[in-house]
Amino acid sequence: MRCEVVAIGTELLLGQIVDTNSSWIGEQLALIGIDSHFQVKVGDNFDRMAQTIRHALDRSDAVICCGGLGPTQDDITREVIAAIMGVELHRDEAIVEKIRLMFESRGRVMVDNNRRQADIPAGATPIAQMPGTAPGLICPIGDKVIYAVPGVPHEMRTMMQGTILADLQHRSGETAVIRSRVLRTWGDSESGLAQRLADRIDQLDAQGNPTLAFQASGMEGIKVRITAKAADAAAVDAIIAAEESVIRGLLSDVIFGVDEESMEVVVLNMLGARGLTMAIAEGLTGGVLAARLSEIDHRMAIFRGAAVSADFATADRPAADSAAAAAAQVRRDFGTDVGLAVVAARTHEEQPSRTVFMNLAIGEARYAQSVALPGDRNRFRNYAVINVLNFLRQTLAANSH
C-alpha cells in the first residue's frame, strides 16, 4: 500500500515554517510497512491544492493532508476535499459544541469563525482524537482514502497514533515493518564510499532487500543508511544487523557511530568505558570543541575543562611542538588522564597555512597528527573539531588492549 503526504500552507513554501511534520509522518508509515514514495508541499490556493491532492490520489492508495483545518479564510482543506469527493459540506453541531467548550475551559469566548472548523464533507468521518479545535477527517473516495490532519505537530501526532496508522494498516491488510539504521562515517568522501561499496550495492539491487543509500551531512560526515522490510520487527532487525556487519567489514574504522550518535557522544562513551577523564587545549577553535563536549557531558564527569588561548601556537615554536606542550600542560593543570590539544600552524612555517596540529597525551604516551582543512573561518574551526575528535576516537580504538 502506498501513502502520499501533502503538506499544506503557503508559509511552508516561503520558508517561514520548516516542515517537520512530513518527515515524522514518513517515519511512522515506514514503521508499519506502508510505502511512501512522494511528499509534496502546496500553498493555500484552492485550484493548486485540488490539483496536488488529485495527483496524489492517482499514484497512491491513501493521502494524508496536513494543515489548512484552522478557522481563517485561507484554511480551505475541508472545501477542497469536499470538491474532490463531489459532495457538500455539512456542519456538525456536536463538534461546534466541543470547540465551544474548549474555549470556555480556557476562559475565552468562541468566535463565529471557529464554527466552520466543524464543517464536514458528506460521507467523511471525524477522527475521534481532537486535542485542539480542528477535527481531523477520514474521507473515503472509492477504494482510496484522504486523511486530513491539523498542521499543529502535537495535534497531528495524536491523530496519527490514535487512528490513522491503525486504519492504514487495516486497509493494507499487511503487517510488514520497514526500518532503517544509519551508519555515520568520517574520513572518506561520498564518491569514495560509493566506490568501496559498489559491488555490495549491485548485489543488493539484484536482491531487493535491504537497500543502501548515502546522505551527505556536511561537517558531520557521510551517512550510509540501511533500510529493510520484513514481516515483523525481529525479522527486520535481523536483516539490518546482518547487513551492518557486512558494511562494517567493507568500511572498517571510517564508521564512527550509529543513528543519532555524534562524534562527541562516541568519544565520551569510549573515555567513560575506560574510566578516563580528559581536558583540552584549544589554540584555534575558540571553545567550539569544549562547547560540544560539555553539551553532552553536562556534569563534566569525563570532560573536566578546557584552556582556550591563541598563545598555544607561538611564532618562536613550531605548531607541532606547541600542540604537544599544550596537551601535556592541560593534562597536568586539570589533573586528568588525557590531555588533548588542537593548534593551527603559523603561516610563515614550512607547512600549509590551513594545517591543524593535534596532540594527545594519555598518561606518558604521546600521539600526534596533522591535517590540512578547507573553508572559511567557521567551517575551518568546525572541521578542526570533528577531525580532532576523530583523531581521539581512532587513537583510543587502536590502544584498546
Foldseek 3Di string as FASTA:
>chain_A
DEEEEEEEAVCCVVVVDPQPVVVVVCQLCQQQPHHYDYYYYDYLDLVRVLVVVVVRVVVGQEYEYEALLALDPSSCPQVSLLVVLVFFWDADVVLVVVQQVVQVVVVHGDDPSLSCLRTHRPPKDWQPDDPHSHTWIWHDRPSGIYIYFYNPVVRRVCSCVVPVVVVVSVSVVARKHKDKKKFFFDDDDPVRLCVLCVVVQVVCVVVVAWHWDWDQDQLQGIIIMTMGMDRDDVVRVVSNVVVVVVSCVSPPPRGQDMDPDGLLNRLQVLCVVVVWAEEEEEQQLQCPLVVVNCVVVVVSPRYVYYHYHVVLADPVDFNQVSQAVQQVVRCVVRVTQKGKYKHFGPVVDPDHRQKIKIWMDGPPDIDIDIDGDDDDSVSSSSSSSSVSSSVSVVVCVVPVD
